Amino acid sequence: MTFKTPHTNEPADVAPAPNWSAAALTVLGLVGLHPMSGYDIKQKAEETISEFWALSYGQIYPRLRELEEGGLVEAVRPASPHGPRIRKEYRITAAGRRTLHSWLHRESEPVRYRDEELAKLLLTGPLDPDHSFALIRSRRDRAAAALAAVEAGAEAARRASPAAAPAGQELPHLVAEFGIGQLRAEIAWCEHAIQRLSNAPAPDSTP
């Protein structure tokens, strides 16, 4: 996906971002936190954005090469060529910060929601009504496992944060709370759906 230019909330003095993919700009934003290797980026993504934006190594390393070729990040070499092997780290450049700033002020693309499991659930009804229960229970159990993991991570992050954190440091907690709210809502919907289907009359099998 690339970002288009028509509508933007950018300040007039911010240079427009080129058509970098959203994955590349997300990698750029993570590197903008502090210098990171590809491995570090993957770990940070797992800790912070994996519930709503997955990044694989197959995306990260090609995007780092593109960003380096575009002058938005630069590789940080080990100080001594004779020392132990150290992962290559990347840091954001001044041009990278301008591009990141431009992207952060640009209106996001509308979210287009795709859910294969909901499509299956819709189509299962006429073909195999009993299987709908298995689909919903499986979805509920996965959401419950994800909720436990996100809540544990959020609690660990909260304990590691200062009691009166600045607004910028509160944002990761707020994003985590958004994910927690979504997962709780999904679990509640699954329970509601199971109850509704359990109380529904059996389909008429009269030819």
Protein backbone atom coordinates (compact mmCIF):
# COMPACT_ATOMS: atom_id res chain seq x y z
CA MET A 1 0.00 0.00 0.00
CA THR A 2 1.29 3.47 -0.83
CA PHE A 3 0.19 6.80 0.52
CA LYS A 4 -1.39 9.24 -1.87
CA THR A 5 -1.00 12.97 -1.72
CA PRO A 6 -4.42 14.63 -2.22
CA HIS A 7 -5.61 15.30 1.34
CA THR A 8 -3.21 16.12 4.13
CA ASN A 9 -3.15 17.83 7.49
CA GLU A 10 0.57 18.53 7.25
CA PRO A 11 1.91 21.93 8.30
CA ALA A 12 2.88 24.03 5.31
CA ASP A 13 6.58 23.86 6.18
CA VAL A 14 6.72 20.02 6.20
CA ALA A 15 8.11 18.50 3.02
CA PRO A 16 5.72 15.95 1.45
CA ALA A 17 6.64 12.28 1.84
CA PRO A 18 7.27 10.28 -1.31
CA ASN A 19 5.24 7.17 -2.00
CA TRP A 20 6.90 4.96 0.58
CA SER A 21 4.90 1.91 1.59
CA ALA A 22 3.22 1.91 4.98
CA ALA A 23 5.50 -0.97 6.02
CA ALA A 24 8.60 1.07 5.14
CA LEU A 25 7.32 4.10 7.04
CA THR A 26 6.48 1.96 10.06
CA VAL A 27 10.03 0.55 10.04
CA LEU A 28 11.32 4.12 9.72
CA GLY A 29 9.24 5.17 12.72
CA LEU A 30 10.63 2.34 14.85
CA VAL A 31 14.20 3.21 13.88
CA GLY A 32 13.34 6.79 14.77
CA LEU A 33 12.91 5.74 18.41
CA HIS A 34 16.61 4.85 18.65
CA PRO A 35 19.17 2.99 16.49
CA MET A 36 18.07 -0.60 15.86
CA SER A 37 19.07 -3.71 13.96
CA GLY A 38 16.56 -5.67 11.92
CA TYR A 39 16.28 -8.09 14.84
CA ASP A 40 15.65 -5.22 17.26
CA ILE A 41 12.93 -3.83 15.00
CA LYS A 42 11.17 -7.20 14.93
CA GLN A 43 11.30 -7.48 18.73
CA LYS A 44 10.05 -3.91 19.22
CA ALA A 45 7.23 -4.49 16.76
CA GLU A 46 6.20 -7.64 18.65
CA GLU A 47 6.13 -5.67 21.90
CA THR A 48 4.20 -2.67 20.62
CA ILE A 49 2.24 -2.98 17.37
CA SER A 50 1.90 -6.68 16.56
CA GLU A 51 -1.79 -6.83 17.52
CA PHE A 52 -2.73 -4.41 14.74
CA TRP A 53 0.32 -4.24 12.45
CA ALA A 54 2.40 -7.33 11.81
CA LEU A 55 5.97 -6.97 10.53
CA SER A 56 7.91 -10.03 9.39
CA TYR A 57 11.66 -10.29 8.80
CA GLY A 58 10.75 -10.68 5.12
CA GLN A 59 9.31 -7.16 5.26
CA ILE A 60 11.80 -5.54 7.61
CA TYR A 61 15.12 -6.20 5.85
CA PRO A 62 14.00 -5.23 2.32
CA ARG A 63 12.42 -2.07 3.73
CA LEU A 64 15.64 -1.21 5.59
CA ARG A 65 17.58 -1.54 2.33
CA GLU A 66 15.09 0.71 0.55
CA LEU A 67 15.22 3.30 3.32
CA GLU A 68 19.02 3.23 3.33
CA GLU A 69 19.16 3.65 -0.46
CA GLY A 70 16.69 6.53 -0.16
CA GLY A 71 18.84 8.27 2.45
CA LEU A 72 16.26 8.01 5.23
CA VAL A 73 18.34 5.72 7.46
CA GLU A 74 22.05 5.03 7.64
CA ALA A 75 23.92 1.99 8.86
CA VAL A 76 25.90 2.30 12.07
CA ARG A 77 29.13 0.32 11.82
CA PRO A 78 30.98 -1.24 14.79
CA ALA A 79 33.72 1.05 16.14
CA SER A 80 36.45 -1.59 15.75
CA PRO A 81 36.67 -3.86 12.68
CA HIS A 82 38.61 -6.37 14.80
CA GLY A 83 36.00 -6.70 17.54
CA PRO A 84 33.25 -9.31 17.86
CA ARG A 85 30.60 -9.50 15.18
CA ILE A 86 27.87 -6.97 15.95
CA ARG A 87 24.49 -6.72 14.26
CA LYS A 88 24.32 -3.82 11.85
CA GLU A 89 22.20 -1.10 13.38
CA TYR A 90 20.40 1.64 11.52
CA ARG A 91 19.65 5.16 12.65
CA ILE A 92 17.30 7.70 11.16
CA THR A 93 18.75 10.61 9.19
CA ALA A 94 17.57 14.21 9.06
CA ALA A 95 15.81 13.44 5.78
CA GLY A 96 14.24 10.41 7.44
CA ARG A 97 12.87 12.55 10.27
CA ARG A 98 11.36 14.98 7.78
CA THR A 99 9.71 12.13 5.89
CA LEU A 100 8.49 10.54 9.11
CA HIS A 101 7.09 13.89 10.26
CA SER A 102 5.32 14.29 6.94
CA TRP A 103 3.77 10.82 7.18
CA LEU A 104 2.64 11.31 10.79
CA HIS A 105 0.75 14.46 9.71
CA ARG A 106 -0.82 12.82 6.66
CA GLU A 107 -4.38 11.52 6.80
CA SER A 108 -4.35 7.72 7.00
CA GLU A 109 -5.94 5.46 4.43
CA PRO A 110 -9.37 4.12 5.48
CA VAL A 111 -9.17 0.76 7.25
CA ARG A 112 -10.47 -2.02 5.02
CA TYR A 113 -11.41 -4.88 7.26
CA ARG A 114 -11.04 -8.43 5.92
CA ASP A 115 -11.84 -11.44 8.06
CA GLU A 116 -11.76 -14.88 6.45
CA GLU A 117 -13.26 -16.50 9.53
CA LEU A 118 -16.36 -14.29 9.47
CA ALA A 119 -16.81 -15.13 5.79
CA LYS A 120 -16.62 -18.83 6.68
CA LEU A 121 -19.12 -18.32 9.51
CA LEU A 122 -21.58 -16.64 7.18
CA LEU A 123 -21.31 -19.43 4.60
CA THR A 124 -21.28 -22.27 7.11
CA GLY A 125 -24.91 -21.68 8.11
CA PRO A 126 -26.63 -23.29 5.12
CA LEU A 127 -23.99 -26.01 4.70
CA ASP A 128 -23.06 -27.15 8.21
CA PRO A 129 -24.85 -25.23 10.97
CA ASP A 130 -23.20 -27.21 13.79
CA HIS A 131 -19.74 -26.18 12.58
CA SER A 132 -20.61 -22.54 13.32
CA PHE A 133 -20.25 -23.29 17.05
CA ALA A 134 -16.74 -24.66 16.52
CA LEU A 135 -15.73 -21.57 14.54
CA ILE A 136 -17.02 -19.17 17.19
CA ARG A 137 -15.52 -21.10 20.11
CA SER A 138 -12.16 -21.23 18.33
CA ARG A 139 -12.30 -17.48 17.74
CA ARG A 140 -13.23 -16.85 21.37
CA ASP A 141 -10.39 -19.01 22.68
CA ARG A 142 -7.80 -17.30 20.46
CA ALA A 143 -9.04 -13.89 21.52
CA ALA A 144 -8.87 -14.92 25.19
CA ALA A 145 -5.27 -16.12 24.78
CA ALA A 146 -4.32 -12.90 22.96
CA LEU A 147 -6.03 -10.83 25.65
CA ALA A 148 -4.06 -12.54 28.42
CA ALA A 149 -0.80 -11.88 26.58
CA VAL A 150 -1.59 -8.23 25.83
CA GLU A 151 -2.75 -7.56 29.38
CA ALA A 152 0.41 -9.14 30.80
CA GLY A 153 2.59 -7.04 28.48
CA ALA A 154 0.66 -3.89 29.29
CA GLU A 155 0.97 -4.50 33.01
CA ALA A 156 4.73 -5.11 32.72
CA ALA A 157 5.12 -1.90 30.71
CA ARG A 158 3.04 0.01 33.21
CA ARG A 159 5.18 -1.20 36.12
CA ALA A 160 8.32 -0.14 34.27
CA SER A 161 6.97 3.36 33.58
CA PRO A 162 7.36 6.29 35.98
CA ALA A 163 4.33 7.12 38.09
CA ALA A 164 3.79 10.44 36.29
CA ALA A 165 4.81 9.68 32.71
CA PRO A 166 4.84 12.46 30.07
CA ALA A 167 2.08 12.38 27.48
CA GLY A 168 4.35 10.82 24.85
CA GLN A 169 5.14 7.89 27.13
CA GLU A 170 1.44 7.34 27.80
CA LEU A 171 0.67 6.68 24.13
CA PRO A 172 1.94 3.05 24.06
CA HIS A 173 -0.27 2.32 27.08
CA LEU A 174 -3.27 3.89 25.37
CA VAL A 175 -2.66 1.87 22.20
CA ALA A 176 -2.44 -1.30 24.31
CA GLU A 177 -5.72 -0.37 26.02
CA PHE A 178 -7.34 0.00 22.60
CA GLY A 179 -6.27 -3.54 21.72
CA ILE A 180 -7.48 -4.85 25.08
CA GLY A 181 -10.86 -3.21 24.53
CA GLN A 182 -11.17 -4.76 21.07
CA LEU A 183 -10.30 -8.24 22.33
CA ARG A 184 -12.76 -7.99 25.21
CA ALA A 185 -15.47 -6.89 22.79
CA GLU A 186 -14.66 -9.81 20.49
CA ILE A 187 -14.91 -12.30 23.37
CA ALA A 188 -18.23 -10.77 24.45
CA TRP A 189 -19.56 -11.03 20.89
CA CYS A 190 -18.53 -14.71 20.70
CA GLU A 191 -20.33 -15.50 23.95
CA HIS A 192 -23.39 -13.60 22.71
CA ALA A 193 -23.31 -15.43 19.36
CA ILE A 194 -23.07 -18.85 21.01
CA GLN A 195 -26.05 -18.04 23.23
CA ARG A 196 -28.12 -16.73 20.30
CA LEU A 197 -27.42 -19.77 18.18
CA SER A 198 -28.09 -22.14 21.08
CA ASN A 199 -31.53 -20.59 21.60
CA ALA A 200 -32.42 -20.44 17.93
CA PRO A 201 -34.95 -23.01 16.66
CA ALA A 202 -33.56 -25.90 14.65
CA PRO A 203 -33.73 -25.43 10.87
CA ASP A 204 -36.70 -26.97 9.14
CA SER A 205 -35.47 -30.05 7.34
CA THR A 206 -38.83 -30.79 5.67
CA PRO A 207 -38.26 -31.31 1.94
